[in-house]
C-alpha atoms as a PDB file:
ATOM      1  CA  MET A   1     -21.416  11.323  23.070  1.00  0.00           C
ATOM      2  CA  THR A   2     -22.185   7.994  23.724  1.00  0.00           C
ATOM      3  CA  PHE A   3     -22.337   4.806  21.699  1.00  0.00           C
ATOM      4  CA  GLU A   4     -24.569   2.081  21.171  1.00  0.00           C
ATOM      5  CA  VAL A   5     -24.664  -1.774  19.912  1.00  0.00           C
ATOM      6  CA  GLN A   6     -27.274  -2.151  17.105  1.00  0.00           C
ATOM      7  CA  LYS A   7     -27.800  -5.762  15.480  1.00  0.00           C
ATOM      8  CA  SER A   8     -26.535  -5.453  12.237  1.00  0.00           C
ATOM      9  CA  PRO A   9     -29.112  -5.843   9.428  1.00  0.00           C
ATOM     10  CA  THR A  10     -29.149  -9.555   8.112  1.00  0.00           C
ATOM     11  CA  TRP A  11     -28.569  -7.848   4.216  1.00  0.00           C
ATOM     12  CA  ILE A  12     -25.355  -6.647   5.457  1.00  0.00           C
ATOM     13  CA  ARG A  13     -24.237  -9.719   7.404  1.00  0.00           C
ATOM     14  CA  ILE A  14     -24.775 -11.649   4.344  1.00  0.00           C
ATOM     15  CA  LEU A  15     -22.502  -8.945   2.223  1.00  0.00           C
ATOM     16  CA  GLN A  16     -20.047  -9.521   4.869  1.00  0.00           C
ATOM     17  CA  PHE A  17     -19.837 -13.432   4.577  1.00  0.00           C
ATOM     18  CA  VAL A  18     -20.074 -12.842   0.969  1.00  0.00           C
ATOM     19  CA  THR A  19     -17.384 -10.589   0.780  1.00  0.00           C
ATOM     20  CA  GLY A  20     -14.925 -12.473   3.518  1.00  0.00           C
ATOM     21  CA  GLY A  21     -15.270 -15.421   1.607  1.00  0.00           C
ATOM     22  CA  ILE A  22     -14.475 -13.567  -1.387  1.00  0.00           C
ATOM     23  CA  ALA A  23     -11.350 -12.322  -0.117  1.00  0.00           C
ATOM     24  CA  ILE A  24     -10.386 -15.448   1.361  1.00  0.00           C
ATOM     25  CA  ALA A  25     -10.379 -17.189  -2.057  1.00  0.00           C
ATOM     26  CA  LEU A  26      -8.858 -13.961  -3.625  1.00  0.00           C
ATOM     27  CA  SER A  27      -5.614 -14.950  -0.765  1.00  0.00           C
ATOM     28  CA  GLY A  28      -5.501 -18.475  -1.965  1.00  0.00           C
ATOM     29  CA  TYR A  29      -5.357 -17.222  -6.462  1.00  0.00           C
ATOM     30  CA  VAL A  30      -2.617 -14.885  -5.338  1.00  0.00           C
ATOM     31  CA  LEU A  31      -0.140 -17.626  -4.111  1.00  0.00           C
ATOM     32  CA  ALA A  32      -1.344 -20.057  -6.284  1.00  0.00           C
ATOM     33  CA  ASN A  33      -1.031 -17.795  -9.367  1.00  0.00           C
ATOM     34  CA  PRO A  34       1.691 -14.909  -8.712  1.00  0.00           C
ATOM     35  CA  ILE A  35       2.041 -13.921 -12.275  1.00  0.00           C
ATOM     36  CA  ALA A  36      -1.538 -13.429 -13.279  1.00  0.00           C
ATOM     37  CA  THR A  37      -1.379 -11.205  -9.572  1.00  0.00           C
ATOM     38  CA  THR A  38       1.551  -9.370 -10.938  1.00  0.00           C
ATOM     39  CA  TRP A  39       0.212  -8.819 -14.008  1.00  0.00           C
ATOM     40  CA  PHE A  40      -3.028  -7.660 -12.244  1.00  0.00           C
ATOM     41  CA  VAL A  41      -1.454  -5.340  -9.997  1.00  0.00           C
ATOM     42  CA  LEU A  42       0.773  -3.599 -12.603  1.00  0.00           C
ATOM     43  CA  THR A  43      -2.297  -2.855 -15.085  1.00  0.00           C
ATOM     44  CA  PHE A  44      -4.095  -1.588 -11.936  1.00  0.00           C
ATOM     45  CA  LEU A  45      -1.322   0.539 -11.147  1.00  0.00           C
ATOM     46  CA  GLY A  46      -1.384   1.946 -14.711  1.00  0.00           C
ATOM     47  CA  ILE A  47      -4.997   2.674 -14.886  1.00  0.00           C
ATOM     48  CA  SER A  48      -4.467   4.153 -11.119  1.00  0.00           C
ATOM     49  CA  LEU A  49      -1.396   6.882 -12.714  1.00  0.00           C
ATOM     50  CA  LEU A  50      -3.686   7.751 -15.596  1.00  0.00           C
ATOM     51  CA  VAL A  51      -6.728   8.370 -13.369  1.00  0.00           C
ATOM     52  CA  VAL A  52      -4.572  10.183 -11.345  1.00  0.00           C
ATOM     53  CA  GLY A  53      -2.639  12.019 -13.900  1.00  0.00           C
ATOM     54  CA  ILE A  54      -5.807  13.039 -15.595  1.00  0.00           C
ATOM     55  CA  SER A  55      -7.485  13.948 -12.598  1.00  0.00           C
ATOM     56  CA  SER A  56      -4.424  15.848 -11.412  1.00  0.00           C
ATOM     57  CA  MET A  57      -4.533  17.528 -14.357  1.00  0.00           C
ATOM     58  CA  ILE A  58      -7.588  18.781 -14.600  1.00  0.00           C
ATOM     59  CA  ASN A  59      -7.100  20.392 -10.637  1.00  0.00           C
ATOM     60  CA  GLY A  60      -4.465  22.087 -12.275  1.00  0.00           C
ATOM     61  CA  PHE A  61      -6.465  23.828 -15.053  1.00  0.00           C
ATOM     62  CA  PHE A  62      -9.748  24.416 -13.446  1.00  0.00           C
ATOM     63  CA  HIS A  63      -9.443  24.772  -9.508  1.00  0.00           C
ATOM     64  CA  GLY A  64      -9.721  28.595  -9.358  1.00  0.00           C
ATOM     65  CA  GLY A  65      -9.588  28.616  -6.047  1.00  0.00           C
ATOM     66  CA  MET A  66      -5.415  27.624  -6.184  1.00  0.00           C
ATOM     67  CA  SER A  67      -2.625  29.953  -6.346  1.00  0.00           C
ATOM     68  CA  LYS A  68      -0.944  29.900  -9.743  1.00  0.00           C
ATOM     69  CA  GLY A  69       2.429  27.895  -8.503  1.00  0.00           C
ATOM     70  CA  THR A  70       0.134  24.902  -6.569  1.00  0.00           C
ATOM     71  CA  ARG A  71      -2.148  24.748 -10.401  1.00  0.00           C
ATOM     72  CA  ILE A  72       1.122  24.579 -11.986  1.00  0.00           C
ATOM     73  CA  ILE A  73       2.887  22.055 -10.223  1.00  0.00           C
ATOM     74  CA  GLU A  74      -0.736  19.837 -10.122  1.00  0.00           C
ATOM     75  CA  ILE A  75      -0.465  19.728 -14.258  1.00  0.00           C
ATOM     76  CA  ILE A  76       3.202  18.819 -13.565  1.00  0.00           C
ATOM     77  CA  ILE A  77       1.898  16.194 -11.196  1.00  0.00           C
ATOM     78  CA  GLY A  78      -0.540  15.064 -13.836  1.00  0.00           C
ATOM     79  CA  ILE A  79       1.459  14.687 -16.808  1.00  0.00           C
ATOM     80  CA  ILE A  80       4.475  12.869 -14.654  1.00  0.00           C
ATOM     81  CA  ALA A  81       1.736  10.062 -13.427  1.00  0.00           C
ATOM     82  CA  ILE A  82       0.119   9.847 -17.086  1.00  0.00           C
ATOM     83  CA  ILE A  83       3.952   9.210 -18.580  1.00  0.00           C
ATOM     84  CA  GLY A  84       4.272   6.361 -15.701  1.00  0.00           C
ATOM     85  CA  GLY A  85       0.407   5.395 -16.091  1.00  0.00           C
ATOM     86  CA  PHE A  86       1.581   4.682 -20.061  1.00  0.00           C
ATOM     87  CA  PHE A  87       4.801   3.865 -19.294  1.00  0.00           C
ATOM     88  CA  THR A  88       3.405   0.785 -16.861  1.00  0.00           C
ATOM     89  CA  MET A  89       0.927  -0.148 -19.487  1.00  0.00           C
ATOM     90  CA  ALA A  90       3.535  -0.580 -22.468  1.00  0.00           C
ATOM     91  CA  HIS A  91       6.431  -1.916 -20.606  1.00  0.00           C
ATOM     92  CA  PRO A  92       4.909  -3.767 -17.850  1.00  0.00           C
ATOM     93  CA  ILE A  93       8.683  -5.940 -16.928  1.00  0.00           C
ATOM     94  CA  ALA A  94      10.411  -2.424 -16.493  1.00  0.00           C
ATOM     95  CA  ALA A  95       7.854  -1.253 -14.587  1.00  0.00           C
ATOM     96  CA  LEU A  96       7.902  -4.338 -12.040  1.00  0.00           C
ATOM     97  CA  ALA A  97      11.540  -3.764 -11.776  1.00  0.00           C
ATOM     98  CA  SER A  98      11.249   0.235 -10.749  1.00  0.00           C
ATOM     99  CA  LEU A  99       8.619  -0.813  -8.335  1.00  0.00           C
ATOM    100  CA  ILE A 100      10.746  -3.207  -6.903  1.00  0.00           C
ATOM    101  CA  TRP A 101      13.706  -0.921  -6.907  1.00  0.00           C
ATOM    102  CA  PHE A 102      11.508   2.005  -5.805  1.00  0.00           C
ATOM    103  CA  THR A 103      10.665  -0.733  -2.855  1.00  0.00           C
ATOM    104  CA  SER A 104      13.933  -1.600  -2.317  1.00  0.00           C
ATOM    105  CA  LEU A 105      15.121   2.182  -2.163  1.00  0.00           C
ATOM    106  CA  PHE A 106      12.248   2.996   0.750  1.00  0.00           C
ATOM    107  CA  VAL A 107      13.261   0.256   2.789  1.00  0.00           C
ATOM    108  CA  LEU A 108      17.389   0.976   2.549  1.00  0.00           C
ATOM    109  CA  ILE A 109      16.304   4.695   3.519  1.00  0.00           C
ATOM    110  CA  PHE A 110      13.772   3.786   6.537  1.00  0.00           C
ATOM    111  CA  GLY A 111      17.304   1.708   7.446  1.00  0.00           C
ATOM    112  CA  ALA A 112      19.502   4.443   7.336  1.00  0.00           C
ATOM    113  CA  GLY A 113      16.781   6.610   9.040  1.00  0.00           C
ATOM    114  CA  LEU A 114      16.825   4.568  11.734  1.00  0.00           C
ATOM    115  CA  VAL A 115      20.754   4.120  12.109  1.00  0.00           C
ATOM    116  CA  ALA A 116      20.793   7.741  12.169  1.00  0.00           C
ATOM    117  CA  ASN A 117      17.848   8.217  14.783  1.00  0.00           C
ATOM    118  CA  GLY A 118      19.553   6.140  17.228  1.00  0.00           C
ATOM    119  CA  ILE A 119      22.479   8.107  16.633  1.00  0.00           C
ATOM    120  CA  ALA A 120      21.440  11.265  16.690  1.00  0.00           C
ATOM    121  CA  ARG A 121      18.743  10.987  19.663  1.00  0.00           C
ATOM    122  CA  HIS A 122      20.234  11.342  22.993  1.00  0.00           C
ATOM    123  CA  ASP A 123      16.983  12.307  24.533  1.00  0.00           C
ATOM    124  CA  GLN A 124      16.458   8.258  24.516  1.00  0.00           C
ATOM    125  CA  SER A 125      17.869   5.558  26.707  1.00  0.00           C
ATOM    126  CA  LYS A 126      21.124   3.758  25.676  1.00  0.00           C
ATOM    127  CA  GLY A 127      19.082   1.106  25.080  1.00  0.00           C
ATOM    128  CA  ALA A 128      16.620   2.682  23.170  1.00  0.00           C
ATOM    129  CA  ARG A 129      19.452   3.820  20.932  1.00  0.00           C
ATOM    130  CA  ILE A 130      20.851   0.683  20.688  1.00  0.00           C
ATOM    131  CA  ALA A 131      17.799  -1.217  19.312  1.00  0.00           C
ATOM    132  CA  LYS A 132      17.339   1.456  16.675  1.00  0.00           C
ATOM    133  CA  ILE A 133      20.937   1.237  15.106  1.00  0.00           C
ATOM    134  CA  ILE A 134      20.585  -3.019  15.550  1.00  0.00           C
ATOM    135  CA  ILE A 135      17.129  -2.594  13.323  1.00  0.00           C
ATOM    136  CA  GLY A 136      18.648  -0.228  11.065  1.00  0.00           C
ATOM    137  CA  ILE A 137      21.164  -2.161  10.212  1.00  0.00           C
ATOM    138  CA  ILE A 138      19.685  -4.889   9.859  1.00  0.00           C
ATOM    139  CA  VAL A 139      16.897  -3.075   7.420  1.00  0.00           C
ATOM    140  CA  VAL A 140      19.611  -2.042   5.613  1.00  0.00           C
ATOM    141  CA  ILE A 141      20.774  -5.045   5.089  1.00  0.00           C
ATOM    142  CA  LEU A 142      17.577  -6.509   4.095  1.00  0.00           C
ATOM    143  CA  SER A 143      17.401  -3.582   1.505  1.00  0.00           C
ATOM    144  CA  GLY A 144      20.522  -5.167  -0.002  1.00  0.00           C
ATOM    145  CA  THR A 145      19.037  -8.137  -0.188  1.00  0.00           C
ATOM    146  CA  LEU A 146      15.993  -6.912  -1.720  1.00  0.00           C
ATOM    147  CA  LEU A 147      17.841  -5.565  -4.532  1.00  0.00           C
ATOM    148  CA  GLU A 148      20.090  -8.187  -5.588  1.00  0.00           C
ATOM    149  CA  TYR A 149      17.435 -11.079  -5.339  1.00  0.00           C
ATOM    150  CA  PRO A 150      14.294  -8.984  -7.100  1.00  0.00           C
ATOM    151  CA  GLY A 151      12.599 -11.887  -7.391  1.00  0.00           C
ATOM    152  CA  LEU A 152      12.041 -12.334  -3.538  1.00  0.00           C
ATOM    153  CA  THR A 153      11.035  -9.084  -3.181  1.00  0.00           C
ATOM    154  CA  LEU A 154       8.224  -9.905  -5.804  1.00  0.00           C
ATOM    155  CA  SER A 155       7.192 -12.958  -3.877  1.00  0.00           C
ATOM    156  CA  MET A 156       7.472 -11.331  -0.528  1.00  0.00           C
ATOM    157  CA  MET A 157       5.038  -8.367  -1.868  1.00  0.00           C
ATOM    158  CA  LEU A 158       2.982 -11.078  -3.171  1.00  0.00           C
ATOM    159  CA  ILE A 159       2.696 -13.311   0.656  1.00  0.00           C
ATOM    160  CA  LEU A 160       2.036  -9.952   1.959  1.00  0.00           C
ATOM    161  CA  LEU A 161      -1.163  -9.335  -0.147  1.00  0.00           C
ATOM    162  CA  SER A 162      -2.342 -12.969   0.146  1.00  0.00           C
ATOM    163  CA  ILE A 163      -1.586 -12.513   4.062  1.00  0.00           C
ATOM    164  CA  ASN A 164      -3.782  -9.527   4.213  1.00  0.00           C
ATOM    165  CA  LEU A 165      -6.672 -10.271   2.068  1.00  0.00           C
ATOM    166  CA  PHE A 166      -6.842 -13.443   4.158  1.00  0.00           C
ATOM    167  CA  ILE A 167      -6.773 -11.115   7.412  1.00  0.00           C
ATOM    168  CA  GLN A 168      -9.287  -9.400   5.627  1.00  0.00           C
ATOM    169  CA  GLY A 169     -11.116 -12.109   4.929  1.00  0.00           C
ATOM    170  CA  ILE A 170     -11.551 -13.660   8.489  1.00  0.00           C
ATOM    171  CA  ASP A 171     -12.704 -10.000   9.930  1.00  0.00           C
ATOM    172  CA  ARG A 172     -15.782  -9.898   7.383  1.00  0.00           C
ATOM    173  CA  ILE A 173     -16.267 -13.183   8.603  1.00  0.00           C
ATOM    174  CA  ILE A 174     -16.104 -12.317  12.101  1.00  0.00           C
ATOM    175  CA  SER A 175     -17.667  -9.403  11.627  1.00  0.00           C
ATOM    176  CA  GLY A 176     -21.304 -11.044   9.717  1.00  0.00           C
ATOM    177  CA  ALA A 177     -21.009 -13.424  12.596  1.00  0.00           C
ATOM    178  CA  ILE A 178     -20.999 -11.197  15.301  1.00  0.00           C
ATOM    179  CA  GLY A 179     -23.621  -8.959  13.006  1.00  0.00           C
ATOM    180  CA  HIS A 180     -23.126  -5.990  15.986  1.00  0.00           C
ATOM    181  CA  ARG A 181     -22.388  -2.596  14.999  1.00  0.00           C
ATOM    182  CA  ILE A 182     -21.456   0.570  16.858  1.00  0.00           C
ATOM    183  CA  ILE A 183     -23.331   3.825  16.231  1.00  0.00           C
ATOM    184  CA  ARG A 184     -22.228   7.080  17.816  1.00  0.00           C
ATOM    185  CA  ARG A 185     -24.509   9.106  19.582  1.00  0.00           C
ATOM    186  CA  SER A 186     -24.731  12.719  20.729  1.00  0.00           C
END
């Protein structure tokens, strides 16, 4: 297998510049309008849950290749997702609080896992184990902070979204400026 570098067509390069500019503009919009961004994300989450729920139910009802148990699980997941989607659309504040709570819970579990890993893994060096325990404790404290200050959690999520959009925009613009793509040849 070999790789070949080819120049991208002009229309792809223009598209990369345009999408990069849009991503950078959205990055600024996210920081400038956090409330509108939050409502958009919640609306998108609700619609996504509805689509996933409907898809899972269709899969559960009509996919003959799955076992009966798997089909029932697909249907149950679909029902739960649809309920979650309607809940998110009908009660966005409660959905936002739930999202923040689950994010904090995930961070707590991750931190506890680091501490447990640091304690239990005897095949690693003492320094690596101590580092995992210390980082795990810091992460557990961070999760408590996230639970205590939900506004901070939301702000951090929006800032990370903005940074991601900004980096993606720069990446697209650089890709358009360079104008090369790598093609795999067999």
